[in-house]
Amino acid sequence: MKKEVGLWIDHRKTVIVSIENEVEVTREIRSNMEKHVRFSSGTHTKDTNNPQGSTAEDMRDRQFGEHLGRYYEGIISLIRDADSIWIFGPGEAKVELENALKREGLGERIVGIETVDKMTDRQIAAKIRDRYLR
């Protein structure tokens, strides 16, 4: 029984389409994050109240990274049993998920990574069906 997964991902949402025995299941995962602007530029001045020199922006960046880590862990928990994983989306999230999958020892299951723009859930499902059910 082969399970094939395709997913569209950005930092706010992931649409996962699983196909197993020609049965298609679609799930949506939301990160519950607002749009994030990274502040780290190496130009921060040292805060005398904070000996490590961390700024509020560094803390926000760290919190954002930790939240993304939990988001990717949740996605991986849903696709861990897939035989093949196809990842696509508009930004950095697809590569970040790829790296997380590789850290989990699932990198060999990735069959492709593709940059695509925003898509509706129906367009995502159709794209995945076209790849796996041709």
N, C-alpha and C. Protein backbone atom coordinates (compact mmCIF):
# COMPACT_ATOMS: atom_id res chain seq x y z
N MET A 1 0.85 -1.17 0.00
CA MET A 1 0.00 0.00 0.00
C MET A 1 0.90 1.24 0.00
N LYS A 2 0.92 1.96 -1.09
CA LYS A 2 1.80 3.11 -1.26
C LYS A 2 1.05 4.39 -0.91
N LYS A 3 1.69 5.21 -0.08
CA LYS A 3 1.10 6.49 0.30
C LYS A 3 1.95 7.61 -0.29
N GLU A 4 1.31 8.42 -1.14
CA GLU A 4 2.00 9.53 -1.79
C GLU A 4 1.41 10.83 -1.27
N VAL A 5 2.29 11.76 -0.94
CA VAL A 5 1.86 13.03 -0.35
C VAL A 5 2.42 14.18 -1.17
N GLY A 6 1.58 15.17 -1.40
CA GLY A 6 2.01 16.43 -1.97
C GLY A 6 1.53 17.53 -1.05
N LEU A 7 2.31 18.57 -0.94
CA LEU A 7 1.86 19.66 -0.08
C LEU A 7 2.33 21.01 -0.59
N TRP A 8 1.43 21.98 -0.40
CA TRP A 8 1.73 23.38 -0.67
C TRP A 8 1.96 24.02 0.69
N ILE A 9 3.05 24.78 0.83
CA ILE A 9 3.39 25.33 2.13
C ILE A 9 3.89 26.76 2.03
N ASP A 10 3.47 27.57 3.00
CA ASP A 10 4.13 28.84 3.29
C ASP A 10 4.19 28.95 4.80
N HIS A 11 4.63 30.08 5.33
CA HIS A 11 4.78 30.21 6.78
C HIS A 11 3.45 30.29 7.52
N ARG A 12 2.36 30.50 6.83
CA ARG A 12 1.06 30.63 7.48
C ARG A 12 0.20 29.38 7.39
N LYS A 13 0.34 28.63 6.31
CA LYS A 13 -0.58 27.52 6.09
C LYS A 13 0.08 26.45 5.23
N THR A 14 -0.37 25.21 5.44
CA THR A 14 0.05 24.08 4.62
C THR A 14 -1.20 23.32 4.21
N VAL A 15 -1.28 22.98 2.93
CA VAL A 15 -2.34 22.11 2.44
C VAL A 15 -1.66 20.80 2.06
N ILE A 16 -2.06 19.71 2.75
CA ILE A 16 -1.48 18.39 2.54
C ILE A 16 -2.51 17.52 1.82
N VAL A 17 -2.11 16.95 0.70
CA VAL A 17 -2.98 16.02 -0.02
C VAL A 17 -2.27 14.66 -0.02
N SER A 18 -2.93 13.68 0.60
CA SER A 18 -2.40 12.30 0.65
C SER A 18 -3.22 11.43 -0.29
N ILE A 19 -2.52 10.59 -1.04
CA ILE A 19 -3.20 9.65 -1.93
C ILE A 19 -2.70 8.25 -1.57
N GLU A 20 -3.66 7.41 -1.19
CA GLU A 20 -3.34 6.04 -0.82
C GLU A 20 -4.45 5.15 -1.38
N ASN A 21 -4.09 4.15 -2.18
CA ASN A 21 -5.08 3.29 -2.84
C ASN A 21 -6.09 4.11 -3.65
N GLU A 22 -5.60 5.15 -4.31
CA GLU A 22 -6.42 6.06 -5.12
C GLU A 22 -7.48 6.81 -4.32
N VAL A 23 -7.35 6.80 -2.98
CA VAL A 23 -8.22 7.59 -2.11
C VAL A 23 -7.46 8.84 -1.71
N GLU A 24 -8.08 9.98 -1.94
CA GLU A 24 -7.43 11.27 -1.70
C GLU A 24 -7.99 11.90 -0.41
N VAL A 25 -7.08 12.35 0.45
CA VAL A 25 -7.46 13.03 1.68
C VAL A 25 -6.71 14.36 1.73
N THR A 26 -7.45 15.44 1.95
CA THR A 26 -6.84 16.78 2.03
C THR A 26 -6.96 17.30 3.44
N ARG A 27 -5.86 17.84 3.95
CA ARG A 27 -5.83 18.46 5.28
C ARG A 27 -5.21 19.83 5.16
N GLU A 28 -5.65 20.73 6.02
CA GLU A 28 -5.05 22.06 6.08
C GLU A 28 -4.51 22.28 7.48
N ILE A 29 -3.28 22.74 7.56
CA ILE A 29 -2.63 23.05 8.83
C ILE A 29 -2.33 24.54 8.82
N ARG A 30 -2.68 25.23 9.88
CA ARG A 30 -2.38 26.66 10.01
C ARG A 30 -1.32 26.85 11.08
N SER A 31 -0.40 27.76 10.83
CA SER A 31 0.68 28.01 11.79
C SER A 31 0.24 28.99 12.88
N ASN A 32 -0.82 29.74 12.63
CA ASN A 32 -1.29 30.77 13.57
C ASN A 32 -0.22 31.83 13.83
N MET A 33 0.54 32.14 12.79
CA MET A 33 1.56 33.18 12.89
C MET A 33 1.17 34.36 12.03
N GLU A 34 1.52 35.50 12.51
CA GLU A 34 1.36 36.70 11.70
C GLU A 34 2.58 36.82 10.80
N LYS A 35 2.47 37.66 9.80
CA LYS A 35 3.61 37.90 8.91
C LYS A 35 4.78 38.38 9.76
N HIS A 36 5.97 37.89 9.45
CA HIS A 36 7.15 38.20 10.25
C HIS A 36 8.18 38.94 9.41
N VAL A 37 8.74 39.96 10.01
CA VAL A 37 9.84 40.68 9.38
C VAL A 37 11.07 40.37 10.21
N ARG A 38 12.09 39.83 9.58
CA ARG A 38 13.32 39.51 10.31
C ARG A 38 14.10 40.80 10.56
N PHE A 39 14.59 40.92 11.78
CA PHE A 39 15.29 42.13 12.18
C PHE A 39 16.80 41.95 12.21
N SER A 40 17.27 40.73 12.32
CA SER A 40 18.70 40.49 12.50
C SER A 40 19.49 41.02 11.32
N SER A 41 20.31 42.01 11.60
CA SER A 41 21.13 42.58 10.54
C SER A 41 22.57 42.76 10.97
N GLY A 42 22.86 42.41 12.22
CA GLY A 42 24.23 42.54 12.71
C GLY A 42 24.57 43.96 13.12
N THR A 43 23.59 44.87 13.15
CA THR A 43 23.88 46.26 13.48
C THR A 43 23.32 46.66 14.84
N HIS A 44 22.92 45.66 15.64
CA HIS A 44 22.34 45.97 16.94
C HIS A 44 23.40 46.49 17.90
N THR A 45 23.00 47.42 18.74
CA THR A 45 23.90 47.89 19.79
C THR A 45 23.68 47.02 21.01
N LYS A 46 24.68 46.93 21.83
CA LYS A 46 24.59 46.07 23.01
C LYS A 46 23.73 46.76 24.07
N ASP A 47 22.82 46.00 24.63
CA ASP A 47 21.94 46.48 25.69
C ASP A 47 22.66 46.28 27.01
N THR A 48 22.87 47.34 27.77
CA THR A 48 23.61 47.23 29.03
C THR A 48 22.84 46.43 30.07
N ASN A 49 21.54 46.30 29.92
CA ASN A 49 20.75 45.49 30.85
C ASN A 49 20.79 44.01 30.48
N ASN A 50 21.32 43.69 29.31
CA ASN A 50 21.35 42.32 28.84
C ASN A 50 22.77 41.98 28.43
N PRO A 51 23.50 41.24 29.26
CA PRO A 51 24.92 40.98 28.97
C PRO A 51 25.16 40.19 27.69
N GLN A 52 24.18 39.42 27.22
CA GLN A 52 24.38 38.68 25.98
C GLN A 52 24.24 39.58 24.76
N GLY A 53 23.70 40.78 24.93
CA GLY A 53 23.55 41.70 23.82
C GLY A 53 22.32 41.42 22.98
N SER A 54 21.41 40.57 23.45
CA SER A 54 20.20 40.27 22.68
C SER A 54 19.28 41.47 22.70
N THR A 55 18.70 41.74 21.58
CA THR A 55 17.74 42.83 21.50
C THR A 55 16.34 42.24 21.45
N ALA A 56 15.35 43.08 21.55
CA ALA A 56 13.96 42.63 21.43
C ALA A 56 13.74 41.97 20.07
N GLU A 57 14.40 42.51 19.04
CA GLU A 57 14.26 41.94 17.70
C GLU A 57 14.84 40.54 17.64
N ASP A 58 16.00 40.33 18.30
CA ASP A 58 16.61 39.00 18.34
C ASP A 58 15.67 38.01 19.02
N MET A 59 15.03 38.46 20.09
CA MET A 59 14.10 37.59 20.82
C MET A 59 12.90 37.25 19.94
N ARG A 60 12.39 38.23 19.20
CA ARG A 60 11.26 37.96 18.29
C ARG A 60 11.68 36.99 17.19
N ASP A 61 12.88 37.16 16.65
CA ASP A 61 13.38 36.24 15.64
C ASP A 61 13.47 34.82 16.20
N ARG A 62 13.97 34.70 17.43
CA ARG A 62 14.11 33.39 18.06
C ARG A 62 12.73 32.75 18.30
N GLN A 63 11.80 33.55 18.79
CA GLN A 63 10.43 33.05 19.02
C GLN A 63 9.79 32.61 17.70
N PHE A 64 10.00 33.40 16.66
CA PHE A 64 9.48 33.06 15.33
C PHE A 64 10.06 31.73 14.87
N GLY A 65 11.37 31.56 15.03
CA GLY A 65 12.03 30.33 14.63
C GLY A 65 11.52 29.12 15.41
N GLU A 66 11.31 29.30 16.71
CA GLU A 66 10.79 28.22 17.54
C GLU A 66 9.36 27.86 17.13
N HIS A 67 8.56 28.87 16.83
CA HIS A 67 7.18 28.63 16.39
C HIS A 67 7.18 27.87 15.06
N LEU A 68 8.05 28.29 14.15
CA LEU A 68 8.15 27.58 12.87
C LEU A 68 8.58 26.13 13.08
N GLY A 69 9.50 25.90 13.99
CA GLY A 69 9.95 24.54 14.29
C GLY A 69 8.79 23.66 14.74
N ARG A 70 7.93 24.19 15.60
CA ARG A 70 6.76 23.43 16.07
C ARG A 70 5.79 23.19 14.91
N TYR A 71 5.63 24.20 14.05
CA TYR A 71 4.76 24.09 12.87
C TYR A 71 5.25 22.95 11.96
N TYR A 72 6.56 22.93 11.68
CA TYR A 72 7.12 21.88 10.82
C TYR A 72 7.01 20.51 11.49
N GLU A 73 7.22 20.44 12.80
CA GLU A 73 7.07 19.17 13.52
C GLU A 73 5.66 18.62 13.36
N GLY A 74 4.67 19.49 13.44
CA GLY A 74 3.28 19.07 13.27
C GLY A 74 3.02 18.53 11.88
N ILE A 75 3.58 19.20 10.88
CA ILE A 75 3.42 18.73 9.49
C ILE A 75 4.09 17.37 9.32
N ILE A 76 5.31 17.25 9.82
CA ILE A 76 6.05 15.99 9.68
C ILE A 76 5.30 14.85 10.36
N SER A 77 4.67 15.12 11.49
CA SER A 77 3.94 14.05 12.18
C SER A 77 2.80 13.51 11.31
N LEU A 78 2.26 14.34 10.42
CA LEU A 78 1.16 13.91 9.55
C LEU A 78 1.63 13.22 8.27
N ILE A 79 2.89 13.43 7.89
CA ILE A 79 3.37 12.86 6.61
C ILE A 79 4.50 11.86 6.80
N ARG A 80 4.85 11.58 8.03
CA ARG A 80 5.98 10.69 8.33
C ARG A 80 5.87 9.32 7.65
N ASP A 81 4.65 8.82 7.50
CA ASP A 81 4.46 7.48 6.93
C ASP A 81 4.33 7.49 5.40
N ALA A 82 4.56 8.62 4.77
CA ALA A 82 4.46 8.71 3.30
C ALA A 82 5.65 8.03 2.64
N ASP A 83 5.38 7.39 1.50
CA ASP A 83 6.45 6.79 0.70
C ASP A 83 7.12 7.84 -0.18
N SER A 84 6.36 8.84 -0.61
CA SER A 84 6.93 9.93 -1.40
C SER A 84 6.28 11.24 -0.96
N ILE A 85 7.11 12.29 -0.96
CA ILE A 85 6.68 13.61 -0.51
C ILE A 85 7.10 14.63 -1.56
N TRP A 86 6.12 15.37 -2.06
CA TRP A 86 6.38 16.43 -3.05
C TRP A 86 6.00 17.74 -2.39
N ILE A 87 6.94 18.69 -2.35
CA ILE A 87 6.75 19.95 -1.65
C ILE A 87 6.76 21.09 -2.64
N PHE A 88 5.78 21.98 -2.54
CA PHE A 88 5.80 23.19 -3.37
C PHE A 88 5.16 24.34 -2.62
N GLY A 89 5.52 25.55 -3.04
CA GLY A 89 5.02 26.76 -2.40
C GLY A 89 5.80 27.97 -2.87
N PRO A 90 5.40 29.15 -2.38
CA PRO A 90 5.96 30.39 -2.91
C PRO A 90 7.26 30.87 -2.26
N GLY A 91 7.55 30.50 -1.03
CA GLY A 91 8.67 31.14 -0.34
C GLY A 91 9.66 30.18 0.27
N GLU A 92 10.23 30.59 1.40
CA GLU A 92 11.30 29.86 2.07
C GLU A 92 10.81 28.61 2.80
N ALA A 93 9.53 28.56 3.14
CA ALA A 93 9.01 27.49 3.99
C ALA A 93 9.26 26.11 3.39
N LYS A 94 9.20 25.99 2.07
CA LYS A 94 9.39 24.66 1.44
C LYS A 94 10.80 24.14 1.68
N VAL A 95 11.79 25.01 1.63
CA VAL A 95 13.17 24.59 1.85
C VAL A 95 13.40 24.33 3.34
N GLU A 96 12.77 25.13 4.19
CA GLU A 96 12.89 24.91 5.63
C GLU A 96 12.28 23.56 6.01
N LEU A 97 11.12 23.22 5.41
CA LEU A 97 10.51 21.91 5.67
C LEU A 97 11.40 20.80 5.12
N GLU A 98 11.95 20.99 3.94
CA GLU A 98 12.87 19.99 3.38
C GLU A 98 14.00 19.71 4.36
N ASN A 99 14.60 20.76 4.91
CA ASN A 99 15.70 20.59 5.86
C ASN A 99 15.23 19.87 7.12
N ALA A 100 14.04 20.19 7.60
CA ALA A 100 13.49 19.51 8.78
C ALA A 100 13.26 18.03 8.49
N LEU A 101 12.75 17.71 7.29
CA LEU A 101 12.55 16.31 6.91
C LEU A 101 13.88 15.57 6.85
N LYS A 102 14.91 16.21 6.33
CA LYS A 102 16.23 15.58 6.25
C LYS A 102 16.78 15.33 7.65
N ARG A 103 16.59 16.27 8.57
CA ARG A 103 17.04 16.08 9.95
C ARG A 103 16.33 14.89 10.61
N GLU A 104 15.10 14.63 10.18
CA GLU A 104 14.32 13.51 10.72
C GLU A 104 14.60 12.19 9.99
N GLY A 105 15.54 12.22 9.04
CA GLY A 105 15.88 11.01 8.29
C GLY A 105 14.88 10.67 7.20
N LEU A 106 14.09 11.65 6.77
CA LEU A 106 13.06 11.41 5.76
C LEU A 106 13.39 12.06 4.41
N GLY A 107 14.60 12.55 4.27
CA GLY A 107 14.99 13.27 3.06
C GLY A 107 14.90 12.46 1.79
N GLU A 108 15.16 11.13 1.88
CA GLU A 108 15.12 10.30 0.68
C GLU A 108 13.72 10.12 0.14
N ARG A 109 12.70 10.48 0.92
CA ARG A 109 11.32 10.35 0.46
C ARG A 109 10.85 11.56 -0.35
N ILE A 110 11.63 12.62 -0.32
CA ILE A 110 11.26 13.84 -1.05
C ILE A 110 11.50 13.59 -2.54
N VAL A 111 10.43 13.73 -3.33
CA VAL A 111 10.53 13.47 -4.77
C VAL A 111 10.65 14.75 -5.58
N GLY A 112 10.48 15.89 -4.94
CA GLY A 112 10.63 17.15 -5.66
C GLY A 112 10.27 18.34 -4.79
N ILE A 113 10.86 19.48 -5.18
CA ILE A 113 10.57 20.75 -4.53
C ILE A 113 10.37 21.74 -5.67
N GLU A 114 9.31 22.51 -5.60
CA GLU A 114 8.97 23.40 -6.71
C GLU A 114 8.48 24.73 -6.16
N THR A 115 8.89 25.80 -6.81
CA THR A 115 8.40 27.13 -6.45
C THR A 115 7.15 27.42 -7.27
N VAL A 116 6.06 27.68 -6.57
CA VAL A 116 4.80 28.06 -7.21
C VAL A 116 4.20 29.20 -6.41
N ASP A 117 3.32 29.93 -7.04
CA ASP A 117 2.66 31.06 -6.39
C ASP A 117 1.49 30.58 -5.55
N LYS A 118 0.73 31.50 -5.04
CA LYS A 118 -0.48 31.17 -4.28
C LYS A 118 -1.40 30.32 -5.14
N MET A 119 -2.05 29.36 -4.51
CA MET A 119 -2.98 28.48 -5.22
C MET A 119 -4.18 28.23 -4.31
N THR A 120 -5.32 27.94 -4.92
CA THR A 120 -6.48 27.54 -4.13
C THR A 120 -6.30 26.08 -3.72
N ASP A 121 -7.05 25.65 -2.72
CA ASP A 121 -6.96 24.27 -2.27
C ASP A 121 -7.31 23.31 -3.41
N ARG A 122 -8.28 23.67 -4.23
CA ARG A 122 -8.67 22.82 -5.37
C ARG A 122 -7.54 22.72 -6.40
N GLN A 123 -6.84 23.84 -6.65
CA GLN A 123 -5.72 23.82 -7.59
C GLN A 123 -4.58 22.94 -7.04
N ILE A 124 -4.36 23.03 -5.73
CA ILE A 124 -3.31 22.22 -5.10
C ILE A 124 -3.64 20.74 -5.26
N ALA A 125 -4.87 20.36 -4.92
CA ALA A 125 -5.28 18.95 -5.02
C ALA A 125 -5.18 18.46 -6.47
N ALA A 126 -5.58 19.29 -7.43
CA ALA A 126 -5.52 18.90 -8.83
C ALA A 126 -4.07 18.69 -9.27
N LYS A 127 -3.18 19.57 -8.84
CA LYS A 127 -1.76 19.46 -9.19
C LYS A 127 -1.17 18.15 -8.65
N ILE A 128 -1.53 17.81 -7.43
CA ILE A 128 -1.01 16.58 -6.81
C ILE A 128 -1.61 15.35 -7.49
N ARG A 129 -2.90 15.39 -7.79
CA ARG A 129 -3.53 14.27 -8.53
C ARG A 129 -2.85 14.06 -9.87
N ASP A 130 -2.57 15.17 -10.58
CA ASP A 130 -1.92 15.07 -11.89
C ASP A 130 -0.56 14.39 -11.77
N ARG A 131 0.17 14.68 -10.71
CA ARG A 131 1.49 14.08 -10.55
C ARG A 131 1.41 12.60 -10.20
N TYR A 132 0.55 12.25 -9.27
CA TYR A 132 0.55 10.88 -8.74
C TYR A 132 -0.43 9.93 -9.41
N LEU A 133 -1.48 10.44 -10.03
CA LEU A 133 -2.51 9.54 -10.57
C LEU A 133 -2.55 9.54 -12.10
N ARG A 134 -1.52 10.01 -12.77
CA ARG A 134 -1.50 10.00 -14.23
C ARG A 134 -1.57 8.59 -14.76
